Amino acid sequence: MTEAREAFGKYQAKMCQVSYEELKARYDEFERISGERYLSETMKKQWSSWLASWQVQQKRIDVLQERLSHALDAVDEAENYLHVALNSVDDETLCKSYLLSTVNALRGGSHD
């Protein structure tokens, strides 16, 4: 939540045309005195909306990072497979043909 709060503070600072540090100091002081970060209900609603949006985006990022990780694992596996295949084929022509068919298969194409 710290990152989300910082991003929200930077957004608010930009909207108020003050530095983030100045706005943060004001929020920190207000929170220290009152126990609440934001005075108005409007600001509380804006923060709640911002946080909800932040959390949705974070979930999307997590899904994309997981997909990327799986894709990188697949690339590593394909590279290892090609290395083994290249080492096991002696004839250069056969090797090139095998390599091309493997690359096409990885791309989802035909084995021609």
PDB file of N, CA and C in Angstrom:
ATOM      1  N   MET A   1       0.819  -1.185   0.000  1.00  0.00           N
ATOM      2  CA  MET A   1       0.000   0.000   0.000  1.00  0.00           C
ATOM      3  C   MET A   1       0.867   1.254   0.000  1.00  0.00           C
ATOM      4  N   THR A   2       2.085   1.142   0.448  1.00  0.00           N
ATOM      5  CA  THR A   2       2.982   2.297   0.483  1.00  0.00           C
ATOM      6  C   THR A   2       3.196   2.857  -0.920  1.00  0.00           C
ATOM      7  N   GLU A   3       3.427   1.974  -1.896  1.00  0.00           N
ATOM      8  CA  GLU A   3       3.628   2.435  -3.275  1.00  0.00           C
ATOM      9  C   GLU A   3       2.378   3.126  -3.803  1.00  0.00           C
ATOM     10  N   ALA A   4       1.222   2.554  -3.508  1.00  0.00           N
ATOM     11  CA  ALA A   4      -0.034   3.142  -3.967  1.00  0.00           C
ATOM     12  C   ALA A   4      -0.244   4.508  -3.323  1.00  0.00           C
ATOM     13  N   ARG A   5       0.034   4.595  -2.038  1.00  0.00           N
ATOM     14  CA  ARG A   5      -0.145   5.871  -1.342  1.00  0.00           C
ATOM     15  C   ARG A   5       0.817   6.923  -1.898  1.00  0.00           C
ATOM     16  N   GLU A   6       2.040   6.522  -2.186  1.00  0.00           N
ATOM     17  CA  GLU A   6       3.018   7.458  -2.752  1.00  0.00           C
ATOM     18  C   GLU A   6       2.577   7.927  -4.141  1.00  0.00           C
ATOM     19  N   ALA A   7       2.100   6.997  -4.957  1.00  0.00           N
ATOM     20  CA  ALA A   7       1.625   7.362  -6.297  1.00  0.00           C
ATOM     21  C   ALA A   7       0.429   8.309  -6.199  1.00  0.00           C
ATOM     22  N   PHE A   8      -0.470   8.032  -5.270  1.00  0.00           N
ATOM     23  CA  PHE A   8      -1.626   8.906  -5.067  1.00  0.00           C
ATOM     24  C   PHE A   8      -1.168  10.286  -4.610  1.00  0.00           C
ATOM     25  N   GLY A   9      -0.219  10.328  -3.696  1.00  0.00           N
ATOM     26  CA  GLY A   9       0.312  11.605  -3.216  1.00  0.00           C
ATOM     27  C   GLY A   9       0.958  12.403  -4.334  1.00  0.00           C
ATOM     28  N   LYS A  10       1.698  11.734  -5.203  1.00  0.00           N
ATOM     29  CA  LYS A  10       2.333  12.427  -6.331  1.00  0.00           C
ATOM     30  C   LYS A  10       1.284  12.966  -7.296  1.00  0.00           C
ATOM     31  N   TYR A  11       0.242  12.182  -7.502  1.00  0.00           N
ATOM     32  CA  TYR A  11      -0.855  12.638  -8.353  1.00  0.00           C
ATOM     33  C   TYR A  11      -1.525  13.864  -7.729  1.00  0.00           C
ATOM     34  N   GLN A  12      -1.820  13.792  -6.427  1.00  0.00           N
ATOM     35  CA  GLN A  12      -2.457  14.915  -5.741  1.00  0.00           C
ATOM     36  C   GLN A  12      -1.558  16.154  -5.762  1.00  0.00           C
ATOM     37  N   ALA A  13      -0.273  15.960  -5.550  1.00  0.00           N
ATOM     38  CA  ALA A  13       0.667  17.085  -5.564  1.00  0.00           C
ATOM     39  C   ALA A  13       0.662  17.764  -6.929  1.00  0.00           C
ATOM     40  N   LYS A  14       0.639  16.961  -7.973  1.00  0.00           N
ATOM     41  CA  LYS A  14       0.600  17.516  -9.330  1.00  0.00           C
ATOM     42  C   LYS A  14      -0.683  18.315  -9.538  1.00  0.00           C
ATOM     43  N   MET A  15      -1.802  17.774  -9.061  1.00  0.00           N
ATOM     44  CA  MET A  15      -3.084  18.460  -9.205  1.00  0.00           C
ATOM     45  C   MET A  15      -3.116  19.770  -8.410  1.00  0.00           C
ATOM     46  N   CYS A  16      -2.440  19.791  -7.259  1.00  0.00           N
ATOM     47  CA  CYS A  16      -2.415  20.982  -6.393  1.00  0.00           C
ATOM     48  C   CYS A  16      -1.262  21.919  -6.741  1.00  0.00           C
ATOM     49  N   GLN A  17      -0.419  21.503  -7.659  1.00  0.00           N
ATOM     50  CA  GLN A  17       0.747  22.281  -8.090  1.00  0.00           C
ATOM     51  C   GLN A  17       1.686  22.607  -6.923  1.00  0.00           C
ATOM     52  N   VAL A  18       1.943  21.577  -6.114  1.00  0.00           N
ATOM     53  CA  VAL A  18       2.941  21.678  -5.043  1.00  0.00           C
ATOM     54  C   VAL A  18       3.862  20.475  -5.170  1.00  0.00           C
ATOM     55  N   SER A  19       4.988  20.532  -4.485  1.00  0.00           N
ATOM     56  CA  SER A  19       5.899  19.385  -4.543  1.00  0.00           C
ATOM     57  C   SER A  19       5.303  18.227  -3.737  1.00  0.00           C
ATOM     58  N   TYR A  20       5.657  17.028  -4.148  1.00  0.00           N
ATOM     59  CA  TYR A  20       5.193  15.840  -3.434  1.00  0.00           C
ATOM     60  C   TYR A  20       5.646  15.878  -1.982  1.00  0.00           C
ATOM     61  N   GLU A  21       6.893  16.283  -1.758  1.00  0.00           N
ATOM     62  CA  GLU A  21       7.441  16.320  -0.401  1.00  0.00           C
ATOM     63  C   GLU A  21       6.642  17.267   0.491  1.00  0.00           C
ATOM     64  N   GLU A  22       6.270  18.419  -0.052  1.00  0.00           N
ATOM     65  CA  GLU A  22       5.490  19.387   0.723  1.00  0.00           C
ATOM     66  C   GLU A  22       4.105  18.824   1.058  1.00  0.00           C
ATOM     67  N   LEU A  23       3.449  18.249   0.067  1.00  0.00           N
ATOM     68  CA  LEU A  23       2.124  17.682   0.294  1.00  0.00           C
ATOM     69  C   LEU A  23       2.191  16.520   1.276  1.00  0.00           C
ATOM     70  N   LYS A  24       3.181  15.670   1.121  1.00  0.00           N
ATOM     71  CA  LYS A  24       3.344  14.526   2.025  1.00  0.00           C
ATOM     72  C   LYS A  24       3.561  15.003   3.455  1.00  0.00           C
ATOM     73  N   ALA A  25       4.372  16.024   3.630  1.00  0.00           N
ATOM     74  CA  ALA A  25       4.614  16.564   4.972  1.00  0.00           C
ATOM     75  C   ALA A  25       3.307  17.057   5.594  1.00  0.00           C
ATOM     76  N   ARG A  26       2.476  17.700   4.791  1.00  0.00           N
ATOM     77  CA  ARG A  26       1.176  18.172   5.294  1.00  0.00           C
ATOM     78  C   ARG A  26       0.278  17.002   5.678  1.00  0.00           C
ATOM     79  N   TYR A  27       0.209  15.995   4.807  1.00  0.00           N
ATOM     80  CA  TYR A  27      -0.603  14.810   5.112  1.00  0.00           C
ATOM     81  C   TYR A  27      -0.086  14.101   6.365  1.00  0.00           C
ATOM     82  N   ASP A  28       1.229  13.950   6.457  1.00  0.00           N
ATOM     83  CA  ASP A  28       1.824  13.286   7.622  1.00  0.00           C
ATOM     84  C   ASP A  28       1.483  14.029   8.908  1.00  0.00           C
ATOM     85  N   GLU A  29       1.595  15.341   8.872  1.00  0.00           N
ATOM     86  CA  GLU A  29       1.291  16.156  10.053  1.00  0.00           C
ATOM     87  C   GLU A  29      -0.188  16.043  10.417  1.00  0.00           C
ATOM     88  N   PHE A  30      -1.054  16.126   9.425  1.00  0.00           N
ATOM     89  CA  PHE A  30      -2.487  16.011   9.678  1.00  0.00           C
ATOM     90  C   PHE A  30      -2.816  14.643  10.267  1.00  0.00           C
ATOM     91  N   GLU A  31      -2.207  13.600   9.719  1.00  0.00           N
ATOM     92  CA  GLU A  31      -2.457  12.242  10.215  1.00  0.00           C
ATOM     93  C   GLU A  31      -1.947  12.085  11.640  1.00  0.00           C
ATOM     94  N   ARG A  32      -0.809  12.689  11.942  1.00  0.00           N
ATOM     95  CA  ARG A  32      -0.249  12.609  13.291  1.00  0.00           C
ATOM     96  C   ARG A  32      -1.192  13.271  14.300  1.00  0.00           C
ATOM     97  N   ILE A  33      -1.777  14.398  13.907  1.00  0.00           N
ATOM     98  CA  ILE A  33      -2.647  15.147  14.815  1.00  0.00           C
ATOM     99  C   ILE A  33      -4.039  14.521  14.914  1.00  0.00           C
ATOM    100  N   SER A  34      -4.623  14.194  13.770  1.00  0.00           N
ATOM    101  CA  SER A  34      -6.026  13.762  13.752  1.00  0.00           C
ATOM    102  C   SER A  34      -6.227  12.254  13.741  1.00  0.00           C
ATOM    103  N   GLY A  35      -5.193  11.522  13.342  1.00  0.00           N
ATOM    104  CA  GLY A  35      -5.349  10.077  13.215  1.00  0.00           C
ATOM    105  C   GLY A  35      -5.902   9.654  11.862  1.00  0.00           C
ATOM    106  N   GLU A  36      -6.226  10.632  11.018  1.00  0.00           N
ATOM    107  CA  GLU A  36      -6.719  10.344   9.674  1.00  0.00           C
ATOM    108  C   GLU A  36      -5.803  10.993   8.655  1.00  0.00           C
ATOM    109  N   ARG A  37      -5.652  10.341   7.534  1.00  0.00           N
ATOM    110  CA  ARG A  37      -4.757  10.855   6.492  1.00  0.00           C
ATOM    111  C   ARG A  37      -5.410  11.999   5.715  1.00  0.00           C
ATOM    112  N   TYR A  38      -6.700  11.870   5.449  1.00  0.00           N
ATOM    113  CA  TYR A  38      -7.383  12.856   4.619  1.00  0.00           C
ATOM    114  C   TYR A  38      -8.575  13.429   5.373  1.00  0.00           C
ATOM    115  N   LEU A  39      -8.755  14.722   5.258  1.00  0.00           N
ATOM    116  CA  LEU A  39      -9.798  15.429   5.987  1.00  0.00           C
ATOM    117  C   LEU A  39     -11.170  15.230   5.363  1.00  0.00           C
ATOM    118  N   SER A  40     -11.295  15.497   4.097  1.00  0.00           N
ATOM    119  CA  SER A  40     -12.621  15.500   3.473  1.00  0.00           C
ATOM    120  C   SER A  40     -13.035  14.112   3.004  1.00  0.00           C
ATOM    121  N   GLU A  41     -14.342  13.921   2.945  1.00  0.00           N
ATOM    122  CA  GLU A  41     -14.885  12.669   2.426  1.00  0.00           C
ATOM    123  C   GLU A  41     -14.520  12.493   0.954  1.00  0.00           C
ATOM    124  N   THR A  42     -14.445  13.607   0.234  1.00  0.00           N
ATOM    125  CA  THR A  42     -14.075  13.550  -1.182  1.00  0.00           C
ATOM    126  C   THR A  42     -12.682  12.957  -1.342  1.00  0.00           C
ATOM    127  N   MET A  43     -11.744  13.423  -0.525  1.00  0.00           N
ATOM    128  CA  MET A  43     -10.374  12.888  -0.596  1.00  0.00           C
ATOM    129  C   MET A  43     -10.345  11.419  -0.190  1.00  0.00           C
ATOM    130  N   LYS A  44     -11.135  11.055   0.804  1.00  0.00           N
ATOM    131  CA  LYS A  44     -11.187   9.652   1.233  1.00  0.00           C
ATOM    132  C   LYS A  44     -11.728   8.777   0.105  1.00  0.00           C
ATOM    133  N   LYS A  45     -12.750   9.277  -0.599  1.00  0.00           N
ATOM    134  CA  LYS A  45     -13.310   8.524  -1.723  1.00  0.00           C
ATOM    135  C   LYS A  45     -12.308   8.438  -2.870  1.00  0.00           C
ATOM    136  N   GLN A  46     -11.612   9.547  -3.128  1.00  0.00           N
ATOM    137  CA  GLN A  46     -10.585   9.525  -4.176  1.00  0.00           C
ATOM    138  C   GLN A  46      -9.502   8.508  -3.837  1.00  0.00           C
ATOM    139  N   TRP A  47      -9.074   8.482  -2.577  1.00  0.00           N
ATOM    140  CA  TRP A  47      -8.051   7.531  -2.155  1.00  0.00           C
ATOM    141  C   TRP A  47      -8.555   6.101  -2.311  1.00  0.00           C
ATOM    142  N   SER A  48      -9.794   5.846  -1.892  1.00  0.00           N
ATOM    143  CA  SER A  48     -10.356   4.497  -2.015  1.00  0.00           C
ATOM    144  C   SER A  48     -10.419   4.062  -3.476  1.00  0.00           C
ATOM    145  N   SER A  49     -10.847   4.971  -4.344  1.00  0.00           N
ATOM    146  CA  SER A  49     -10.909   4.656  -5.779  1.00  0.00           C
ATOM    147  C   SER A  49      -9.519   4.413  -6.344  1.00  0.00           C
ATOM    148  N   TRP A  50      -8.576   5.265  -5.953  1.00  0.00           N
ATOM    149  CA  TRP A  50      -7.196   5.131  -6.426  1.00  0.00           C
ATOM    150  C   TRP A  50      -6.622   3.784  -5.983  1.00  0.00           C
ATOM    151  N   LEU A  51      -6.828   3.445  -4.713  1.00  0.00           N
ATOM    152  CA  LEU A  51      -6.292   2.191  -4.181  1.00  0.00           C
ATOM    153  C   LEU A  51      -6.909   0.990  -4.888  1.00  0.00           C
ATOM    154  N   ALA A  52      -8.221   1.029  -5.105  1.00  0.00           N
ATOM    155  CA  ALA A  52      -8.880  -0.079  -5.807  1.00  0.00           C
ATOM    156  C   ALA A  52      -8.317  -0.231  -7.221  1.00  0.00           C
ATOM    157  N   SER A  53      -8.147   0.879  -7.912  1.00  0.00           N
ATOM    158  CA  SER A  53      -7.570   0.835  -9.264  1.00  0.00           C
ATOM    159  C   SER A  53      -6.143   0.311  -9.233  1.00  0.00           C
ATOM    160  N   TRP A  54      -5.380   0.763  -8.249  1.00  0.00           N
ATOM    161  CA  TRP A  54      -3.993   0.322  -8.086  1.00  0.00           C
ATOM    162  C   TRP A  54      -3.944  -1.197  -7.898  1.00  0.00           C
ATOM    163  N   GLN A  55      -4.839  -1.706  -7.060  1.00  0.00           N
ATOM    164  CA  GLN A  55      -4.840  -3.142  -6.778  1.00  0.00           C
ATOM    165  C   GLN A  55      -5.212  -3.953  -8.018  1.00  0.00           C
ATOM    166  N   VAL A  56      -6.168  -3.450  -8.802  1.00  0.00           N
ATOM    167  CA  VAL A  56      -6.544  -4.124 -10.049  1.00  0.00           C
ATOM    168  C   VAL A  56      -5.348  -4.159 -10.999  1.00  0.00           C
ATOM    169  N   GLN A  57      -4.678  -3.022 -11.145  1.00  0.00           N
ATOM    170  CA  GLN A  57      -3.516  -2.965 -12.028  1.00  0.00           C
ATOM    171  C   GLN A  57      -2.396  -3.872 -11.528  1.00  0.00           C
ATOM    172  N   GLN A  58      -2.208  -3.935 -10.213  1.00  0.00           N
ATOM    173  CA  GLN A  58      -1.165  -4.794  -9.656  1.00  0.00           C
ATOM    174  C   GLN A  58      -1.452  -6.260  -9.962  1.00  0.00           C
ATOM    175  N   LYS A  59      -2.730  -6.655  -9.894  1.00  0.00           N
ATOM    176  CA  LYS A  59      -3.099  -8.028 -10.238  1.00  0.00           C
ATOM    177  C   LYS A  59      -2.782  -8.311 -11.704  1.00  0.00           C
ATOM    178  N   ARG A  60      -3.068  -7.339 -12.572  1.00  0.00           N
ATOM    179  CA  ARG A  60      -2.749  -7.506 -13.996  1.00  0.00           C
ATOM    180  C   ARG A  60      -1.245  -7.642 -14.203  1.00  0.00           C
ATOM    181  N   ILE A  61      -0.490  -6.837 -13.499  1.00  0.00           N
ATOM    182  CA  ILE A  61       0.973  -6.910 -13.590  1.00  0.00           C
ATOM    183  C   ILE A  61       1.456  -8.279 -13.138  1.00  0.00           C
ATOM    184  N   ASP A  62       0.893  -8.781 -12.036  1.00  0.00           N
ATOM    185  CA  ASP A  62       1.293 -10.095 -11.530  1.00  0.00           C
ATOM    186  C   ASP A  62       1.022 -11.189 -12.561  1.00  0.00           C
ATOM    187  N   VAL A  63      -0.148 -11.122 -13.221  1.00  0.00           N
ATOM    188  CA  VAL A  63      -0.490 -12.109 -14.251  1.00  0.00           C
ATOM    189  C   VAL A  63       0.489 -12.016 -15.419  1.00  0.00           C
ATOM    190  N   LEU A  64       0.781 -10.792 -15.857  1.00  0.00           N
ATOM    191  CA  LEU A  64       1.718 -10.613 -16.971  1.00  0.00           C
ATOM    192  C   LEU A  64       3.122 -11.080 -16.610  1.00  0.00           C
ATOM    193  N   GLN A  65       3.548 -10.821 -15.372  1.00  0.00           N
ATOM    194  CA  GLN A  65       4.868 -11.287 -14.946  1.00  0.00           C
ATOM    195  C   GLN A  65       4.923 -12.809 -14.927  1.00  0.00           C
ATOM    196  N   GLU A  66       3.828 -13.441 -14.505  1.00  0.00           N
ATOM    197  CA  GLU A  66       3.791 -14.903 -14.499  1.00  0.00           C
ATOM    198  C   GLU A  66       3.839 -15.450 -15.928  1.00  0.00           C
ATOM    199  N   ARG A  67       3.084 -14.822 -16.829  1.00  0.00           N
ATOM    200  CA  ARG A  67       3.116 -15.247 -18.237  1.00  0.00           C
ATOM    201  C   ARG A  67       4.506 -15.074 -18.832  1.00  0.00           C
ATOM    202  N   LEU A  68       5.130 -13.950 -18.536  1.00  0.00           N
ATOM    203  CA  LEU A  68       6.477 -13.697 -19.039  1.00  0.00           C
ATOM    204  C   LEU A  68       7.451 -14.736 -18.505  1.00  0.00           C
ATOM    205  N   SER A  69       7.321 -15.057 -17.236  1.00  0.00           N
ATOM    206  CA  SER A  69       8.193 -16.063 -16.632  1.00  0.00           C
ATOM    207  C   SER A  69       8.032 -17.410 -17.332  1.00  0.00           C
ATOM    208  N   HIS A  70       6.768 -17.802 -17.597  1.00  0.00           N
ATOM    209  CA  HIS A  70       6.526 -19.066 -18.303  1.00  0.00           C
ATOM    210  C   HIS A  70       7.088 -19.018 -19.725  1.00  0.00           C
ATOM    211  N   ALA A  71       6.935 -17.873 -20.387  1.00  0.00           N
ATOM    212  CA  ALA A  71       7.458 -17.734 -21.750  1.00  0.00           C
ATOM    213  C   ALA A  71       8.979 -17.838 -21.756  1.00  0.00           C
ATOM    214  N   LEU A  72       9.619 -17.201 -20.782  1.00  0.00           N
ATOM    215  CA  LEU A  72      11.083 -17.277 -20.700  1.00  0.00           C
ATOM    216  C   LEU A  72      11.539 -18.701 -20.397  1.00  0.00           C
ATOM    217  N   ASP A  73      10.785 -19.399 -19.556  1.00  0.00           N
ATOM    218  CA  ASP A  73      11.103 -20.807 -19.289  1.00  0.00           C
ATOM    219  C   ASP A  73      10.984 -21.632 -20.566  1.00  0.00           C
ATOM    220  N   ALA A  74       9.947 -21.358 -21.367  1.00  0.00           N
ATOM    221  CA  ALA A  74       9.756 -22.085 -22.624  1.00  0.00           C
ATOM    222  C   ALA A  74      10.893 -21.798 -23.596  1.00  0.00           C
ATOM    223  N   VAL A  75      11.343 -20.553 -23.644  1.00  0.00           N
ATOM    224  CA  VAL A  75      12.470 -20.193 -24.508  1.00  0.00           C
ATOM    225  C   VAL A  75      13.731 -20.925 -24.053  1.00  0.00           C
ATOM    226  N   ASP A  76      13.974 -20.936 -22.749  1.00  0.00           N
ATOM    227  CA  ASP A  76      15.139 -21.658 -22.227  1.00  0.00           C
ATOM    228  C   ASP A  76      15.075 -23.135 -22.588  1.00  0.00           C
ATOM    229  N   GLU A  77      13.886 -23.721 -22.441  1.00  0.00           N
ATOM    230  CA  GLU A  77      13.718 -25.136 -22.766  1.00  0.00           C
ATOM    231  C   GLU A  77      13.958 -25.374 -24.259  1.00  0.00           C
ATOM    232  N   ALA A  78      13.447 -24.478 -25.091  1.00  0.00           N
ATOM    233  CA  ALA A  78      13.642 -24.606 -26.540  1.00  0.00           C
ATOM    234  C   ALA A  78      15.112 -24.472 -26.905  1.00  0.00           C
ATOM    235  N   GLU A  79      15.803 -23.530 -26.271  1.00  0.00           N
ATOM    236  CA  GLU A  79      17.240 -23.366 -26.540  1.00  0.00           C
ATOM    237  C   GLU A  79      18.007 -24.622 -26.141  1.00  0.00           C
ATOM    238  N   ASN A  80      17.679 -25.186 -24.997  1.00  0.00           N
ATOM    239  CA  ASN A  80      18.335 -26.428 -24.564  1.00  0.00           C
ATOM    240  C   ASN A  80      18.039 -27.565 -25.536  1.00  0.00           C
ATOM    241  N   TYR A  81      16.791 -27.653 -25.966  1.00  0.00           N
ATOM    242  CA  TYR A  81      16.393 -28.686 -26.908  1.00  0.00           C
ATOM    243  C   TYR A  81      17.166 -28.543 -28.214  1.00  0.00           C
ATOM    244  N   LEU A  82      17.259 -27.315 -28.722  1.00  0.00           N
ATOM    245  CA  LEU A  82      17.998 -27.084 -29.965  1.00  0.00           C
ATOM    246  C   LEU A  82      19.475 -27.410 -29.806  1.00  0.00           C
ATOM    247  N   HIS A  83      20.039 -27.062 -28.674  1.00  0.00           N
ATOM    248  CA  HIS A  83      21.451 -27.358 -28.426  1.00  0.00           C
ATOM    249  C   HIS A  83      21.691 -28.868 -28.455  1.00  0.00           C
ATOM    250  N   VAL A  84      20.828 -29.609 -27.792  1.00  0.00           N
ATOM    251  CA  VAL A  84      20.954 -31.070 -27.790  1.00  0.00           C
ATOM    252  C   VAL A  84      20.761 -31.604 -29.204  1.00  0.00           C
ATOM    253  N   ALA A  85      19.770 -31.064 -29.902  1.00  0.00           N
ATOM    254  CA  ALA A  85      19.500 -31.530 -31.264  1.00  0.00           C
ATOM    255  C   ALA A  85      20.677 -31.250 -32.182  1.00  0.00           C
ATOM    256  N   LEU A  86      21.242 -30.061 -32.077  1.00  0.00           N
ATOM    257  CA  LEU A  86      22.381 -29.716 -32.931  1.00  0.00           C
ATOM    258  C   LEU A  86      23.589 -30.588 -32.626  1.00  0.00           C
ATOM    259  N   ASN A  87      23.784 -30.922 -31.381  1.00  0.00           N
ATOM    260  CA  ASN A  87      24.919 -31.770 -31.008  1.00  0.00           C
ATOM    261  C   ASN A  87      24.715 -33.223 -31.418  1.00  0.00           C
ATOM    262  N   SER A  88      23.461 -33.624 -31.606  1.00  0.00           N
ATOM    263  CA  SER A  88      23.216 -35.028 -31.935  1.00  0.00           C
ATOM    264  C   SER A  88      23.133 -35.286 -33.439  1.00  0.00           C
ATOM    265  N   VAL A  89      23.149 -34.241 -34.250  1.00  0.00           N
ATOM    266  CA  VAL A  89      23.056 -34.395 -35.701  1.00  0.00           C
ATOM    267  C   VAL A  89      24.407 -34.040 -36.317  1.00  0.00           C
ATOM    268  N   ASP A  90      24.975 -34.983 -37.091  1.00  0.00           N
ATOM    269  CA  ASP A  90      26.296 -34.762 -37.665  1.00  0.00           C
ATOM    270  C   ASP A  90      26.247 -34.060 -39.018  1.00  0.00           C
ATOM    271  N   ASP A  91      25.323 -34.422 -39.853  1.00  0.00           N
ATOM    272  CA  ASP A  91      25.272 -33.875 -41.201  1.00  0.00           C
ATOM    273  C   ASP A  91      24.746 -32.439 -41.171  1.00  0.00           C
ATOM    274  N   GLU A  92      25.477 -31.499 -41.789  1.00  0.00           N
ATOM    275  CA  GLU A  92      25.131 -30.073 -41.744  1.00  0.00           C
ATOM    276  C   GLU A  92      23.769 -29.804 -42.375  1.00  0.00           C
ATOM    277  N   THR A  93      23.470 -30.423 -43.497  1.00  0.00           N
ATOM    278  CA  THR A  93      22.188 -30.213 -44.173  1.00  0.00           C
ATOM    279  C   THR A  93      21.044 -30.719 -43.314  1.00  0.00           C
ATOM    280  N   LEU A  94      21.220 -31.896 -42.771  1.00  0.00           N
ATOM    281  CA  LEU A  94      20.203 -32.464 -41.898  1.00  0.00           C
ATOM    282  C   LEU A  94      20.028 -31.588 -40.664  1.00  0.00           C
ATOM    283  N   CYS A  95      21.131 -31.073 -40.183  1.00  0.00           N
ATOM    284  CA  CYS A  95      21.109 -30.212 -39.003  1.00  0.00           C
ATOM    285  C   CYS A  95      20.301 -28.946 -39.283  1.00  0.00           C
ATOM    286  N   LYS A  96      20.553 -28.308 -40.442  1.00  0.00           N
ATOM    287  CA  LYS A  96      19.827 -27.090 -40.793  1.00  0.00           C
ATOM    288  C   LYS A  96      18.337 -27.374 -40.940  1.00  0.00           C
ATOM    289  N   SER A  97      18.025 -28.481 -41.590  1.00  0.00           N
ATOM    290  CA  SER A  97      16.629 -28.849 -41.781  1.00  0.00           C
ATOM    291  C   SER A  97      15.942 -29.085 -40.434  1.00  0.00           C
ATOM    292  N   TYR A  98      16.634 -29.781 -39.557  1.00  0.00           N
ATOM    293  CA  TYR A  98      16.094 -30.080 -38.231  1.00  0.00           C
ATOM    294  C   TYR A  98      15.900 -28.788 -37.438  1.00  0.00           C
ATOM    295  N   LEU A  99      16.864 -27.903 -37.534  1.00  0.00           N
ATOM    296  CA  LEU A  99      16.790 -26.626 -36.833  1.00  0.00           C
ATOM    297  C   LEU A  99      15.602 -25.809 -37.336  1.00  0.00           C
ATOM    298  N   LEU A 100      15.438 -25.721 -38.653  1.00  0.00           N
ATOM    299  CA  LEU A 100      14.324 -24.961 -39.221  1.00  0.00           C
ATOM    300  C   LEU A 100      12.976 -25.555 -38.830  1.00  0.00           C
ATOM    301  N   SER A 101      12.879 -26.868 -38.862  1.00  0.00           N
ATOM    302  CA  SER A 101      11.604 -27.486 -38.492  1.00  0.00           C
ATOM    303  C   SER A 101      11.291 -27.247 -37.013  1.00  0.00           C
ATOM    304  N   THR A 102      12.309 -27.254 -36.184  1.00  0.00           N
ATOM    305  CA  THR A 102      12.104 -26.998 -34.757  1.00  0.00           C
ATOM    306  C   THR A 102      11.680 -25.558 -34.513  1.00  0.00           C
ATOM    307  N   VAL A 103      12.334 -24.624 -35.188  1.00  0.00           N
ATOM    308  CA  VAL A 103      11.971 -23.208 -35.053  1.00  0.00           C
ATOM    309  C   VAL A 103      10.541 -22.991 -35.534  1.00  0.00           C
ATOM    310  N   ASN A 104      10.184 -23.586 -36.676  1.00  0.00           N
ATOM    311  CA  ASN A 104       8.813 -23.463 -37.180  1.00  0.00           C
ATOM    312  C   ASN A 104       7.809 -24.055 -36.207  1.00  0.00           C
ATOM    313  N   ALA A 105       8.157 -25.172 -35.621  1.00  0.00           N
ATOM    314  CA  ALA A 105       7.257 -25.789 -34.647  1.00  0.00           C
ATOM    315  C   ALA A 105       7.068 -24.882 -33.438  1.00  0.00           C
ATOM    316  N   LEU A 106       8.136 -24.246 -32.995  1.00  0.00           N
ATOM    317  CA  LEU A 106       8.036 -23.331 -31.857  1.00  0.00           C
ATOM    318  C   LEU A 106       7.171 -22.124 -32.190  1.00  0.00           C
ATOM    319  N   ARG A 107       7.221 -21.703 -33.440  1.00  0.00           N
ATOM    320  CA  ARG A 107       6.415 -20.558 -33.880  1.00  0.00           C
ATOM    321  C   ARG A 107       4.972 -20.957 -34.157  1.00  0.00           C
ATOM    322  N   GLY A 108       4.705 -22.238 -34.173  1.00  0.00           N
ATOM    323  CA  GLY A 108       3.356 -22.704 -34.460  1.00  0.00           C
ATOM    324  C   GLY A 108       3.099 -22.925 -35.933  1.00  0.00           C
ATOM    325  N   GLY A 109       4.173 -22.917 -36.724  1.00  0.00           N
ATOM    326  CA  GLY A 109       4.046 -23.095 -38.169  1.00  0.00           C
ATOM    327  C   GLY A 109       4.165 -24.547 -38.562  1.00  0.00           C
ATOM    328  N   SER A 110       4.321 -24.737 -39.867  1.00  0.00           N
ATOM    329  CA  SER A 110       4.459 -26.095 -40.394  1.00  0.00           C
ATOM    330  C   SER A 110       5.886 -26.580 -40.215  1.00  0.00           C
ATOM    331  N   HIS A 111       6.090 -27.848 -40.443  1.00  0.00           N
ATOM    332  CA  HIS A 111       7.416 -28.464 -40.301  1.00  0.00           C
ATOM    333  C   HIS A 111       8.139 -28.569 -41.627  1.00  0.00           C
ATOM    334  N   ASP A 112       7.734 -27.792 -42.634  1.00  0.00           N
ATOM    335  CA  ASP A 112       8.372 -27.863 -43.965  1.00  0.00           C
ATOM    336  C   ASP A 112       9.774 -27.344 -43.931  1.00  0.00           C
TER     337      ASP A 112
END
